[in-house]
């Protein structure tokens, strides 16, 4: 009997998010994962650079699941940075998010902010 993990999965794009998604699918037991992209560059991203931050949601949206996604993603990225960060060139850098629309109210956030530890 076939299971969902027996399905063929196509991941579109050769950037850091696509490659990480394909790896996660393989590690979770999917057997047939193919990555397609126009080109495969020497770097995994010219733009995003693996940028991660908690995201905003519209008012009235239940934040329980997105909050969990943020927590799991951050924990995974932080563990990777601690294990192999120097060798892989992973760095935590400060940044500023600027918007022409203005700041979202705190209630529209997932409730997470990036931890403030040494190196931030």
PDB file of N, CA and C in Angstrom:
ATOM      1  N   UNK A   1       0.834  -1.174   0.000  1.00  0.00           N
ATOM      2  CA  UNK A   1       0.000   0.000   0.000  1.00  0.00           C
ATOM      3  C   UNK A   1       0.885   1.245   0.000  1.00  0.00           C
ATOM      4  N   UNK A   2       0.592   2.162  -0.907  1.00  0.00           N
ATOM      5  CA  UNK A   2       1.374   3.391  -0.987  1.00  0.00           C
ATOM      6  C   UNK A   2       0.998   4.340   0.135  1.00  0.00           C
ATOM      7  N   UNK A   3       2.000   5.048   0.609  1.00  0.00           N
ATOM      8  CA  UNK A   3       1.786   6.083   1.619  1.00  0.00           C
ATOM      9  C   UNK A   3       2.126   7.429   0.980  1.00  0.00           C
ATOM     10  N   UNK A   4       1.754   8.539   1.621  1.00  0.00           N
ATOM     11  CA  UNK A   4       2.137   9.842   1.064  1.00  0.00           C
ATOM     12  C   UNK A   4       3.644   9.971   0.842  1.00  0.00           C
ATOM     13  N   UNK A   5       4.448   9.296   1.649  1.00  0.00           N
ATOM     14  CA  UNK A   5       5.901   9.396   1.500  1.00  0.00           C
ATOM     15  C   UNK A   5       6.418   8.641   0.268  1.00  0.00           C
ATOM     16  N   UNK A   6       5.544   7.834  -0.374  1.00  0.00           N
ATOM     17  CA  UNK A   6       5.911   7.160  -1.611  1.00  0.00           C
ATOM     18  C   UNK A   6       5.666   8.042  -2.833  1.00  0.00           C
ATOM     19  N   UNK A   7       4.976   9.163  -2.652  1.00  0.00           N
ATOM     20  CA  UNK A   7       4.670  10.067  -3.763  1.00  0.00           C
ATOM     21  C   UNK A   7       5.939  10.718  -4.291  1.00  0.00           C
ATOM     22  N   UNK A   8       5.872  11.122  -5.534  1.00  0.00           N
ATOM     23  CA  UNK A   8       6.970  11.888  -6.122  1.00  0.00           C
ATOM     24  C   UNK A   8       6.749  13.360  -5.784  1.00  0.00           C
ATOM     25  N   UNK A   9       7.809  14.009  -5.292  1.00  0.00           N
ATOM     26  CA  UNK A   9       7.731  15.411  -4.894  1.00  0.00           C
ATOM     27  C   UNK A   9       8.714  16.212  -5.735  1.00  0.00           C
ATOM     28  N   UNK A  10       8.245  17.331  -6.276  1.00  0.00           N
ATOM     29  CA  UNK A  10       9.112  18.242  -7.015  1.00  0.00           C
ATOM     30  C   UNK A  10       9.246  19.524  -6.205  1.00  0.00           C
ATOM     31  N   UNK A  11      10.476  19.903  -5.929  1.00  0.00           N
ATOM     32  CA  UNK A  11      10.770  21.164  -5.250  1.00  0.00           C
ATOM     33  C   UNK A  11      11.289  22.118  -6.316  1.00  0.00           C
ATOM     34  N   UNK A  12      10.639  23.273  -6.454  1.00  0.00           N
ATOM     35  CA  UNK A  12      10.997  24.233  -7.497  1.00  0.00           C
ATOM     36  C   UNK A  12      11.923  25.294  -6.919  1.00  0.00           C
ATOM     37  N   UNK A  13      13.106  25.408  -7.509  1.00  0.00           N
ATOM     38  CA  UNK A  13      14.064  26.424  -7.093  1.00  0.00           C
ATOM     39  C   UNK A  13      15.306  25.807  -6.482  1.00  0.00           C
ATOM     40  N   UNK A  14      16.425  26.511  -6.650  1.00  0.00           N
ATOM     41  CA  UNK A  14      17.693  26.018  -6.132  1.00  0.00           C
ATOM     42  C   UNK A  14      18.273  26.884  -5.037  1.00  0.00           C
ATOM     43  N   UNK A  15      17.429  27.707  -4.405  1.00  0.00           N
ATOM     44  CA  UNK A  15      17.892  28.575  -3.327  1.00  0.00           C
ATOM     45  C   UNK A  15      17.899  27.863  -1.992  1.00  0.00           C
ATOM     46  N   UNK A  16      18.272  28.609  -0.971  1.00  0.00           N
ATOM     47  CA  UNK A  16      18.429  28.030   0.363  1.00  0.00           C
ATOM     48  C   UNK A  16      17.119  27.439   0.888  1.00  0.00           C
ATOM     49  N   UNK A  17      15.998  28.086   0.650  1.00  0.00           N
ATOM     50  CA  UNK A  17      14.719  27.579   1.151  1.00  0.00           C
ATOM     51  C   UNK A  17      14.332  26.296   0.424  1.00  0.00           C
ATOM     52  N   UNK A  18      14.484  26.274  -0.895  1.00  0.00           N
ATOM     53  CA  UNK A  18      14.145  25.071  -1.665  1.00  0.00           C
ATOM     54  C   UNK A  18      15.031  23.896  -1.292  1.00  0.00           C
ATOM     55  N   UNK A  19      16.324  24.136  -1.187  1.00  0.00           N
ATOM     56  CA  UNK A  19      17.243  23.048  -0.842  1.00  0.00           C
ATOM     57  C   UNK A  19      16.993  22.522   0.564  1.00  0.00           C
ATOM     58  N   UNK A  20      16.709  23.422   1.496  1.00  0.00           N
ATOM     59  CA  UNK A  20      16.403  23.003   2.863  1.00  0.00           C
ATOM     60  C   UNK A  20      15.101  22.220   2.908  1.00  0.00           C
ATOM     61  N   UNK A  21      14.114  22.658   2.129  1.00  0.00           N
ATOM     62  CA  UNK A  21      12.836  21.939   2.076  1.00  0.00           C
ATOM     63  C   UNK A  21      13.025  20.537   1.509  1.00  0.00           C
ATOM     64  N   UNK A  22      13.803  20.417   0.440  1.00  0.00           N
ATOM     65  CA  UNK A  22      14.062  19.103  -0.155  1.00  0.00           C
ATOM     66  C   UNK A  22      14.784  18.191   0.833  1.00  0.00           C
ATOM     67  N   UNK A  23      15.761  18.730   1.530  1.00  0.00           N
ATOM     68  CA  UNK A  23      16.485  17.944   2.529  1.00  0.00           C
ATOM     69  C   UNK A  23      15.551  17.486   3.648  1.00  0.00           C
ATOM     70  N   UNK A  24      14.698  18.379   4.120  1.00  0.00           N
ATOM     71  CA  UNK A  24      13.751  18.024   5.184  1.00  0.00           C
ATOM     72  C   UNK A  24      12.794  16.929   4.722  1.00  0.00           C
ATOM     73  N   UNK A  25      12.336  16.994   3.477  1.00  0.00           N
ATOM     74  CA  UNK A  25      11.462  15.943   2.942  1.00  0.00           C
ATOM     75  C   UNK A  25      12.184  14.596   2.935  1.00  0.00           C
ATOM     76  N   UNK A  26      13.414  14.579   2.455  1.00  0.00           N
ATOM     77  CA  UNK A  26      14.190  13.333   2.432  1.00  0.00           C
ATOM     78  C   UNK A  26      14.431  12.798   3.837  1.00  0.00           C
ATOM     79  N   UNK A  27      14.788  13.683   4.754  1.00  0.00           N
ATOM     80  CA  UNK A  27      15.064  13.255   6.126  1.00  0.00           C
ATOM     81  C   UNK A  27      13.811  12.759   6.838  1.00  0.00           C
ATOM     82  N   UNK A  28      12.636  13.208   6.395  1.00  0.00           N
ATOM     83  CA  UNK A  28      11.396  12.756   7.034  1.00  0.00           C
ATOM     84  C   UNK A  28      10.813  11.519   6.360  1.00  0.00           C
ATOM     85  N   UNK A  29      11.536  10.957   5.390  1.00  0.00           N
ATOM     86  CA  UNK A  29      11.124   9.681   4.836  1.00  0.00           C
ATOM     87  C   UNK A  29      10.558   9.691   3.428  1.00  0.00           C
ATOM     88  N   UNK A  30      10.449  10.863   2.793  1.00  0.00           N
ATOM     89  CA  UNK A  30       9.991  10.877   1.406  1.00  0.00           C
ATOM     90  C   UNK A  30      11.076  10.252   0.541  1.00  0.00           C
ATOM     91  N   UNK A  31      10.657   9.374  -0.371  1.00  0.00           N
ATOM     92  CA  UNK A  31      11.619   8.575  -1.132  1.00  0.00           C
ATOM     93  C   UNK A  31      11.998   9.182  -2.480  1.00  0.00           C
ATOM     94  N   UNK A  32      11.104   9.976  -3.065  1.00  0.00           N
ATOM     95  CA  UNK A  32      11.314  10.488  -4.421  1.00  0.00           C
ATOM     96  C   UNK A  32      11.205  12.009  -4.417  1.00  0.00           C
ATOM     97  N   UNK A  33      12.324  12.686  -4.232  1.00  0.00           N
ATOM     98  CA  UNK A  33      12.345  14.150  -4.202  1.00  0.00           C
ATOM     99  C   UNK A  33      13.260  14.635  -5.321  1.00  0.00           C
ATOM    100  N   UNK A  34      12.728  15.500  -6.177  1.00  0.00           N
ATOM    101  CA  UNK A  34      13.514  16.057  -7.277  1.00  0.00           C
ATOM    102  C   UNK A  34      13.512  17.580  -7.154  1.00  0.00           C
ATOM    103  N   UNK A  35      14.673  18.175  -7.342  1.00  0.00           N
ATOM    104  CA  UNK A  35      14.806  19.631  -7.316  1.00  0.00           C
ATOM    105  C   UNK A  35      14.966  20.108  -8.750  1.00  0.00           C
ATOM    106  N   UNK A  36      14.147  21.086  -9.157  1.00  0.00           N
ATOM    107  CA  UNK A  36      14.267  21.674 -10.492  1.00  0.00           C
ATOM    108  C   UNK A  36      14.452  23.182 -10.353  1.00  0.00           C
ATOM    109  N   UNK A  37      15.336  23.726 -11.186  1.00  0.00           N
ATOM    110  CA  UNK A  37      15.585  25.162 -11.196  1.00  0.00           C
ATOM    111  C   UNK A  37      16.161  25.543 -12.549  1.00  0.00           C
ATOM    112  N   UNK A  38      15.989  26.815 -12.915  1.00  0.00           N
ATOM    113  CA  UNK A  38      16.585  27.297 -14.162  1.00  0.00           C
ATOM    114  C   UNK A  38      18.096  27.146 -14.126  1.00  0.00           C
ATOM    115  N   UNK A  39      18.682  27.526 -12.997  1.00  0.00           N
ATOM    116  CA  UNK A  39      20.130  27.419 -12.823  1.00  0.00           C
ATOM    117  C   UNK A  39      20.424  27.037 -11.380  1.00  0.00           C
ATOM    118  N   UNK A  40      21.557  26.461 -11.174  1.00  0.00           N
ATOM    119  CA  UNK A  40      22.051  26.174  -9.834  1.00  0.00           C
ATOM    120  C   UNK A  40      23.341  26.966  -9.664  1.00  0.00           C
ATOM    121  N   UNK A  41      23.302  27.930  -8.779  1.00  0.00           N
ATOM    122  CA  UNK A  41      24.431  28.829  -8.565  1.00  0.00           C
ATOM    123  C   UNK A  41      25.433  28.227  -7.580  1.00  0.00           C
ATOM    124  N   UNK A  42      26.582  28.859  -7.482  1.00  0.00           N
ATOM    125  CA  UNK A  42      27.607  28.422  -6.535  1.00  0.00           C
ATOM    126  C   UNK A  42      27.215  28.747  -5.098  1.00  0.00           C
ATOM    127  N   UNK A  43      26.264  29.652  -4.935  1.00  0.00           N
ATOM    128  CA  UNK A  43      25.758  30.012  -3.613  1.00  0.00           C
ATOM    129  C   UNK A  43      24.288  29.619  -3.534  1.00  0.00           C
ATOM    130  N   UNK A  44      23.779  29.448  -2.341  1.00  0.00           N
ATOM    131  CA  UNK A  44      22.387  29.018  -2.209  1.00  0.00           C
ATOM    132  C   UNK A  44      21.402  30.164  -2.239  1.00  0.00           C
ATOM    133  N   UNK A  45      21.876  31.403  -2.135  1.00  0.00           N
ATOM    134  CA  UNK A  45      20.954  32.528  -2.212  1.00  0.00           C
ATOM    135  C   UNK A  45      21.715  33.828  -2.395  1.00  0.00           C
ATOM    136  N   UNK A  46      21.343  34.575  -3.419  1.00  0.00           N
ATOM    137  CA  UNK A  46      21.937  35.891  -3.625  1.00  0.00           C
ATOM    138  C   UNK A  46      21.157  36.962  -2.880  1.00  0.00           C
ATOM    139  N   UNK A  47      19.958  36.636  -2.452  1.00  0.00           N
ATOM    140  CA  UNK A  47      19.091  37.647  -1.852  1.00  0.00           C
ATOM    141  C   UNK A  47      18.781  37.331  -0.396  1.00  0.00           C
ATOM    142  N   UNK A  48      18.093  36.239  -0.160  1.00  0.00           N
ATOM    143  CA  UNK A  48      17.581  35.967   1.183  1.00  0.00           C
ATOM    144  C   UNK A  48      18.683  35.629   2.174  1.00  0.00           C
ATOM    145  N   UNK A  49      19.660  34.906   1.739  1.00  0.00           N
ATOM    146  CA  UNK A  49      20.739  34.536   2.645  1.00  0.00           C
ATOM    147  C   UNK A  49      20.265  33.748   3.850  1.00  0.00           C
ATOM    148  N   UNK A  50      19.137  33.070   3.722  1.00  0.00           N
ATOM    149  CA  UNK A  50      18.613  32.319   4.855  1.00  0.00           C
ATOM    150  C   UNK A  50      18.003  33.212   5.912  1.00  0.00           C
ATOM    151  N   UNK A  51      17.556  34.395   5.528  1.00  0.00           N
ATOM    152  CA  UNK A  51      16.960  35.340   6.465  1.00  0.00           C
ATOM    153  C   UNK A  51      15.765  34.718   7.169  1.00  0.00           C
ATOM    154  N   UNK A  52      15.751  34.849   8.480  1.00  0.00           N
ATOM    155  CA  UNK A  52      14.617  34.346   9.261  1.00  0.00           C
ATOM    156  C   UNK A  52      14.205  35.398  10.267  1.00  0.00           C
ATOM    157  N   UNK A  53      12.904  35.573  10.411  1.00  0.00           N
ATOM    158  CA  UNK A  53      12.349  36.431  11.457  1.00  0.00           C
ATOM    159  C   UNK A  53      10.913  35.992  11.700  1.00  0.00           C
ATOM    160  N   UNK A  54      10.384  36.234  12.900  1.00  0.00           N
ATOM    161  CA  UNK A  54       8.963  35.952  13.114  1.00  0.00           C
ATOM    162  C   UNK A  54       8.144  36.790  12.138  1.00  0.00           C
ATOM    163  N   UNK A  55       7.047  36.263  11.674  1.00  0.00           N
ATOM    164  CA  UNK A  55       6.260  36.975  10.678  1.00  0.00           C
ATOM    165  C   UNK A  55       4.975  37.532  11.279  1.00  0.00           C
ATOM    166  N   UNK A  56       4.382  38.482  10.576  1.00  0.00           N
ATOM    167  CA  UNK A  56       3.151  39.120  11.032  1.00  0.00           C
ATOM    168  C   UNK A  56       1.947  38.435  10.399  1.00  0.00           C
ATOM    169  N   UNK A  57       0.835  38.458  11.102  1.00  0.00           N
ATOM    170  CA  UNK A  57      -0.416  37.888  10.615  1.00  0.00           C
ATOM    171  C   UNK A  57      -1.525  38.922  10.770  1.00  0.00           C
ATOM    172  N   UNK A  58      -2.573  38.833   9.943  1.00  0.00           N
ATOM    173  CA  UNK A  58      -3.690  39.772  10.081  1.00  0.00           C
ATOM    174  C   UNK A  58      -4.413  39.582  11.412  1.00  0.00           C
ATOM    175  N   UNK A  59      -5.079  40.632  11.876  1.00  0.00           N
ATOM    176  CA  UNK A  59      -5.877  40.536  13.097  1.00  0.00           C
ATOM    177  C   UNK A  59      -6.888  39.406  12.979  1.00  0.00           C
ATOM    178  N   UNK A  60      -7.117  38.715  14.072  1.00  0.00           N
ATOM    179  CA  UNK A  60      -8.133  37.672  14.116  1.00  0.00           C
ATOM    180  C   UNK A  60      -7.655  36.294  13.697  1.00  0.00           C
ATOM    181  N   UNK A  61      -6.425  36.166  13.251  1.00  0.00           N
ATOM    182  CA  UNK A  61      -5.896  34.873  12.823  1.00  0.00           C
ATOM    183  C   UNK A  61      -5.318  34.155  14.040  1.00  0.00           C
ATOM    184  N   UNK A  62      -5.669  32.878  14.178  1.00  0.00           N
ATOM    185  CA  UNK A  62      -5.125  32.064  15.269  1.00  0.00           C
ATOM    186  C   UNK A  62      -3.624  31.889  15.032  1.00  0.00           C
ATOM    187  N   UNK A  63      -2.821  32.269  16.003  1.00  0.00           N
ATOM    188  CA  UNK A  63      -1.359  32.227  15.833  1.00  0.00           C
ATOM    189  C   UNK A  63      -0.714  30.965  16.394  1.00  0.00           C
ATOM    190  N   UNK A  64      -1.508  30.025  16.890  1.00  0.00           N
ATOM    191  CA  UNK A  64      -0.927  28.840  17.541  1.00  0.00           C
ATOM    192  C   UNK A  64      -0.025  28.049  16.588  1.00  0.00           C
ATOM    193  N   UNK A  65      -0.526  27.715  15.405  1.00  0.00           N
ATOM    194  CA  UNK A  65       0.285  26.920  14.472  1.00  0.00           C
ATOM    195  C   UNK A  65       1.473  27.707  13.923  1.00  0.00           C
ATOM    196  N   UNK A  66       1.258  28.949  13.436  1.00  0.00           N
ATOM    197  CA  UNK A  66       2.421  29.712  12.967  1.00  0.00           C
ATOM    198  C   UNK A  66       3.458  29.936  14.069  1.00  0.00           C
ATOM    199  N   UNK A  67       3.012  30.124  15.299  1.00  0.00           N
ATOM    200  CA  UNK A  67       3.952  30.304  16.410  1.00  0.00           C
ATOM    201  C   UNK A  67       4.809  29.046  16.575  1.00  0.00           C
ATOM    202  N   UNK A  68       4.173  27.876  16.482  1.00  0.00           N
ATOM    203  CA  UNK A  68       4.907  26.614  16.590  1.00  0.00           C
ATOM    204  C   UNK A  68       5.907  26.485  15.442  1.00  0.00           C
ATOM    205  N   UNK A  69       5.480  26.866  14.220  1.00  0.00           N
ATOM    206  CA  UNK A  69       6.389  26.810  13.074  1.00  0.00           C
ATOM    207  C   UNK A  69       7.613  27.679  13.331  1.00  0.00           C
ATOM    208  N   UNK A  70       7.376  28.878  13.856  1.00  0.00           N
ATOM    209  CA  UNK A  70       8.493  29.788  14.166  1.00  0.00           C
ATOM    210  C   UNK A  70       9.431  29.173  15.196  1.00  0.00           C
ATOM    211  N   UNK A  71       8.860  28.604  16.240  1.00  0.00           N
ATOM    212  CA  UNK A  71       9.675  28.019  17.306  1.00  0.00           C
ATOM    213  C   UNK A  71      10.518  26.859  16.786  1.00  0.00           C
ATOM    214  N   UNK A  72       9.898  25.977  16.008  1.00  0.00           N
ATOM    215  CA  UNK A  72      10.612  24.813  15.471  1.00  0.00           C
ATOM    216  C   UNK A  72      11.705  25.264  14.498  1.00  0.00           C
ATOM    217  N   UNK A  73      11.365  26.200  13.612  1.00  0.00           N
ATOM    218  CA  UNK A  73      12.343  26.694  12.642  1.00  0.00           C
ATOM    219  C   UNK A  73      13.517  27.361  13.333  1.00  0.00           C
ATOM    220  N   UNK A  74      13.228  28.221  14.297  1.00  0.00           N
ATOM    221  CA  UNK A  74      14.313  28.914  14.997  1.00  0.00           C
ATOM    222  C   UNK A  74      15.212  27.922  15.734  1.00  0.00           C
ATOM    223  N   UNK A  75      14.616  26.956  16.415  1.00  0.00           N
ATOM    224  CA  UNK A  75      15.409  25.961  17.146  1.00  0.00           C
ATOM    225  C   UNK A  75      16.304  25.180  16.189  1.00  0.00           C
ATOM    226  N   UNK A  76      15.772  24.816  15.027  1.00  0.00           N
ATOM    227  CA  UNK A  76      16.549  24.063  14.036  1.00  0.00           C
ATOM    228  C   UNK A  76      17.711  24.910  13.512  1.00  0.00           C
ATOM    229  N   UNK A  77      17.428  26.162  13.159  1.00  0.00           N
ATOM    230  CA  UNK A  77      18.475  27.042  12.644  1.00  0.00           C
ATOM    231  C   UNK A  77      19.545  27.323  13.693  1.00  0.00           C
ATOM    232  N   UNK A  78      19.130  27.542  14.931  1.00  0.00           N
ATOM    233  CA  UNK A  78      20.093  27.816  15.999  1.00  0.00           C
ATOM    234  C   UNK A  78      20.969  26.593  16.275  1.00  0.00           C
ATOM    235  N   UNK A  79      20.373  25.402  16.255  1.00  0.00           N
ATOM    236  CA  UNK A  79      21.160  24.177  16.455  1.00  0.00           C
ATOM    237  C   UNK A  79      22.176  24.006  15.322  1.00  0.00           C
ATOM    238  N   UNK A  80      21.757  24.278  14.099  1.00  0.00           N
ATOM    239  CA  UNK A  80      22.673  24.192  12.957  1.00  0.00           C
ATOM    240  C   UNK A  80      23.809  25.201  13.107  1.00  0.00           C
ATOM    241  N   UNK A  81      23.477  26.416  13.517  1.00  0.00           N
ATOM    242  CA  UNK A  81      24.506  27.447  13.713  1.00  0.00           C
ATOM    243  C   UNK A  81      25.496  27.031  14.794  1.00  0.00           C
ATOM    244  N   UNK A  82      25.006  26.479  15.880  1.00  0.00           N
ATOM    245  CA  UNK A  82      25.895  26.079  16.970  1.00  0.00           C
ATOM    246  C   UNK A  82      26.792  24.910  16.572  1.00  0.00           C
ATOM    247  N   UNK A  83      26.244  23.961  15.793  1.00  0.00           N
ATOM    248  CA  UNK A  83      27.020  22.784  15.392  1.00  0.00           C
ATOM    249  C   UNK A  83      28.034  23.100  14.300  1.00  0.00           C
ATOM    250  N   UNK A  84      27.583  23.813  13.256  1.00  0.00           N
ATOM    251  CA  UNK A  84      28.410  23.962  12.059  1.00  0.00           C
ATOM    252  C   UNK A  84      28.472  25.391  11.536  1.00  0.00           C
ATOM    253  N   UNK A  85      28.043  26.338  12.328  1.00  0.00           N
ATOM    254  CA  UNK A  85      27.931  27.716  11.857  1.00  0.00           C
ATOM    255  C   UNK A  85      29.193  28.291  11.262  1.00  0.00           C
ATOM    256  N   UNK A  86      30.307  28.122  11.951  1.00  0.00           N
ATOM    257  CA  UNK A  86      31.554  28.697  11.454  1.00  0.00           C
ATOM    258  C   UNK A  86      31.958  28.062  10.125  1.00  0.00           C
ATOM    259  N   UNK A  87      31.880  26.747  10.039  1.00  0.00           N
ATOM    260  CA  UNK A  87      32.272  26.043   8.810  1.00  0.00           C
ATOM    261  C   UNK A  87      31.345  26.370   7.641  1.00  0.00           C
ATOM    262  N   UNK A  88      30.067  26.600   7.940  1.00  0.00           N
ATOM    263  CA  UNK A  88      29.089  26.865   6.885  1.00  0.00           C
ATOM    264  C   UNK A  88      28.906  28.350   6.601  1.00  0.00           C
ATOM    265  N   UNK A  89      29.553  29.189   7.378  1.00  0.00           N
ATOM    266  CA  UNK A  89      29.414  30.630   7.169  1.00  0.00           C
ATOM    267  C   UNK A  89      28.104  31.186   7.686  1.00  0.00           C
ATOM    268  N   UNK A  90      27.529  30.532   8.685  1.00  0.00           N
ATOM    269  CA  UNK A  90      26.270  30.997   9.264  1.00  0.00           C
ATOM    270  C   UNK A  90      26.583  32.002  10.363  1.00  0.00           C
ATOM    271  N   UNK A  91      25.974  33.166  10.262  1.00  0.00           N
ATOM    272  CA  UNK A  91      26.192  34.221  11.247  1.00  0.00           C
ATOM    273  C   UNK A  91      24.858  34.847  11.620  1.00  0.00           C
ATOM    274  N   UNK A  92      24.739  35.232  12.863  1.00  0.00           N
ATOM    275  CA  UNK A  92      23.591  36.016  13.303  1.00  0.00           C
ATOM    276  C   UNK A  92      24.015  37.470  13.218  1.00  0.00           C
ATOM    277  N   UNK A  93      23.264  38.257  12.474  1.00  0.00           N
ATOM    278  CA  UNK A  93      23.601  39.665  12.311  1.00  0.00           C
ATOM    279  C   UNK A  93      22.390  40.526  12.656  1.00  0.00           C
ATOM    280  N   UNK A  94      22.641  41.691  13.232  1.00  0.00           N
ATOM    281  CA  UNK A  94      21.519  42.582  13.534  1.00  0.00           C
ATOM    282  C   UNK A  94      20.955  43.169  12.252  1.00  0.00           C
ATOM    283  N   UNK A  95      19.716  43.574  12.290  1.00  0.00           N
ATOM    284  CA  UNK A  95      19.101  44.172  11.121  1.00  0.00           C
ATOM    285  C   UNK A  95      17.927  45.043  11.510  1.00  0.00           C
ATOM    286  N   UNK A  96      17.458  45.796  10.553  1.00  0.00           N
ATOM    287  CA  UNK A  96      16.303  46.663  10.747  1.00  0.00           C
ATOM    288  C   UNK A  96      15.316  46.368   9.632  1.00  0.00           C
ATOM    289  N   UNK A  97      14.063  46.176   9.987  1.00  0.00           N
ATOM    290  CA  UNK A  97      13.003  45.941   9.014  1.00  0.00           C
ATOM    291  C   UNK A  97      12.254  47.255   8.820  1.00  0.00           C
ATOM    292  N   UNK A  98      12.316  47.817   7.620  1.00  0.00           N
ATOM    293  CA  UNK A  98      11.690  49.104   7.339  1.00  0.00           C
ATOM    294  C   UNK A  98      10.509  48.880   6.410  1.00  0.00           C
ATOM    295  N   UNK A  99       9.406  49.557   6.709  1.00  0.00           N
ATOM    296  CA  UNK A  99       8.204  49.403   5.901  1.00  0.00           C
ATOM    297  C   UNK A  99       7.574  50.762   5.646  1.00  0.00           C
ATOM    298  N   UNK A 100       7.117  50.988   4.422  1.00  0.00           N
ATOM    299  CA  UNK A 100       6.415  52.226   4.096  1.00  0.00           C
ATOM    300  C   UNK A 100       5.030  52.246   4.728  1.00  0.00           C
ATOM    301  N   UNK A 101       4.521  51.081   5.093  1.00  0.00           N
ATOM    302  CA  UNK A 101       3.184  50.967   5.669  1.00  0.00           C
ATOM    303  C   UNK A 101       3.193  51.306   7.152  1.00  0.00           C
ATOM    304  N   UNK A 102       4.292  51.129   7.809  1.00  0.00           N
ATOM    305  CA  UNK A 102       4.369  51.390   9.240  1.00  0.00           C
ATOM    306  C   UNK A 102       4.414  50.090  10.022  1.00  0.00           C
ATOM    307  N   UNK A 103       4.672  50.202  11.294  1.00  0.00           N
ATOM    308  CA  UNK A 103       4.777  49.025  12.141  1.00  0.00           C
ATOM    309  C   UNK A 103       3.418  48.386  12.370  1.00  0.00           C
ATOM    310  N   UNK A 104       3.401  47.072  12.382  1.00  0.00           N
ATOM    311  CA  UNK A 104       2.180  46.350  12.713  1.00  0.00           C
ATOM    312  C   UNK A 104       1.981  46.368  14.217  1.00  0.00           C
ATOM    313  N   UNK A 105       0.734  46.371  14.618  1.00  0.00           N
ATOM    314  CA  UNK A 105       0.451  46.297  16.050  1.00  0.00           C
ATOM    315  C   UNK A 105       0.973  44.978  16.600  1.00  0.00           C
ATOM    316  N   UNK A 106       1.365  44.987  17.851  1.00  0.00           N
ATOM    317  CA  UNK A 106       1.889  43.780  18.496  1.00  0.00           C
ATOM    318  C   UNK A 106       0.893  42.633  18.391  1.00  0.00           C
ATOM    319  N   UNK A 107      -0.411  42.914  18.455  1.00  0.00           N
ATOM    320  CA  UNK A 107      -1.424  41.853  18.424  1.00  0.00           C
ATOM    321  C   UNK A 107      -1.434  41.102  17.100  1.00  0.00           C
ATOM    322  N   UNK A 108      -0.869  41.691  16.044  1.00  0.00           N
ATOM    323  CA  UNK A 108      -0.872  41.014  14.749  1.00  0.00           C
ATOM    324  C   UNK A 108       0.360  40.143  14.554  1.00  0.00           C
ATOM    325  N   UNK A 109       1.244  40.133  15.525  1.00  0.00           N
ATOM    326  CA  UNK A 109       2.451  39.321  15.438  1.00  0.00           C
ATOM    327  C   UNK A 109       2.182  37.905  15.940  1.00  0.00           C
ATOM    328  N   UNK A 110       3.083  37.032  15.645  1.00  0.00           N
ATOM    329  CA  UNK A 110       2.990  35.671  16.168  1.00  0.00           C
ATOM    330  C   UNK A 110       3.315  35.648  17.647  1.00  0.00           C
ATOM    331  N   UNK A 111       3.786  36.756  18.167  1.00  0.00           N
ATOM    332  CA  UNK A 111       4.136  36.814  19.579  1.00  0.00           C
ATOM    333  C   UNK A 111       5.585  36.480  19.839  1.00  0.00           C
ATOM    334  N   UNK A 112       6.331  36.204  18.791  1.00  0.00           N
ATOM    335  CA  UNK A 112       7.742  35.856  18.955  1.00  0.00           C
ATOM    336  C   UNK A 112       8.629  37.013  18.540  1.00  0.00           C
ATOM    337  N   UNK A 113       9.709  37.165  19.207  1.00  0.00           N
ATOM    338  CA  UNK A 113      10.761  38.073  18.775  1.00  0.00           C
ATOM    339  C   UNK A 113      12.068  37.298  18.829  1.00  0.00           C
ATOM    340  N   UNK A 114      13.005  37.695  18.008  1.00  0.00           N
ATOM    341  CA  UNK A 114      14.297  37.003  18.007  1.00  0.00           C
ATOM    342  C   UNK A 114      14.950  37.168  19.369  1.00  0.00           C
ATOM    343  N   UNK A 115      15.467  36.095  19.936  1.00  0.00           N
ATOM    344  CA  UNK A 115      16.110  36.173  21.249  1.00  0.00           C
ATOM    345  C   UNK A 115      17.296  37.124  21.226  1.00  0.00           C
ATOM    346  N   UNK A 116      17.514  37.808  22.317  1.00  0.00           N
ATOM    347  CA  UNK A 116      18.648  38.730  22.455  1.00  0.00           C
ATOM    348  C   UNK A 116      19.712  38.052  23.303  1.00  0.00           C
ATOM    349  N   UNK A 117      20.647  37.415  22.640  1.00  0.00           N
ATOM    350  CA  UNK A 117      21.755  36.777  23.350  1.00  0.00           C
ATOM    351  C   UNK A 117      23.046  37.332  22.790  1.00  0.00           C
ATOM    352  N   UNK A 118      24.150  36.899  23.331  1.00  0.00           N
ATOM    353  CA  UNK A 118      25.425  37.412  22.834  1.00  0.00           C
ATOM    354  C   UNK A 118      25.541  37.136  21.343  1.00  0.00           C
ATOM    355  N   UNK A 119      26.032  38.110  20.616  1.00  0.00           N
ATOM    356  CA  UNK A 119      26.175  37.979  19.176  1.00  0.00           C
ATOM    357  C   UNK A 119      25.044  38.612  18.404  1.00  0.00           C
ATOM    358  N   UNK A 120      23.993  39.047  19.082  1.00  0.00           N
ATOM    359  CA  UNK A 120      22.877  39.697  18.388  1.00  0.00           C
ATOM    360  C   UNK A 120      23.035  41.186  18.448  1.00  0.00           C
TER     361      UNK A 120
END
